């Protein structure tokens, strides 16, 4: 109603009516709807977390079942503890020295 009055007023403009509609109508309504849906979002988040834990428990149970039939267990990964890596995961021997440009 305020935006309609703004648009039809002799001193009002359509741009003023649009701004009034957004700030006095759409904005507050969106805020109220967001706040009223807080419990629904929390329930959905808890349900998703419960589902994730259930899937993880099933995966762990399947992993245990497959390990019970296989007496060897997982194979150890050979690691080269003597070499160091840079932050990119490359061996330090492959490091490239930075070259600075002259000004």
Foldseek 3Di string as FASTA:
>chain_A
DVLVCQPPPPPHHNVNSVVCCVVVPVVVVVVVVVVVCVVVVVVVVVVVVVVVVVVVVVVVVVVVVVCVVPVVPDDDDDDDVVFDADPVRHTPVPDDDDDDDDD
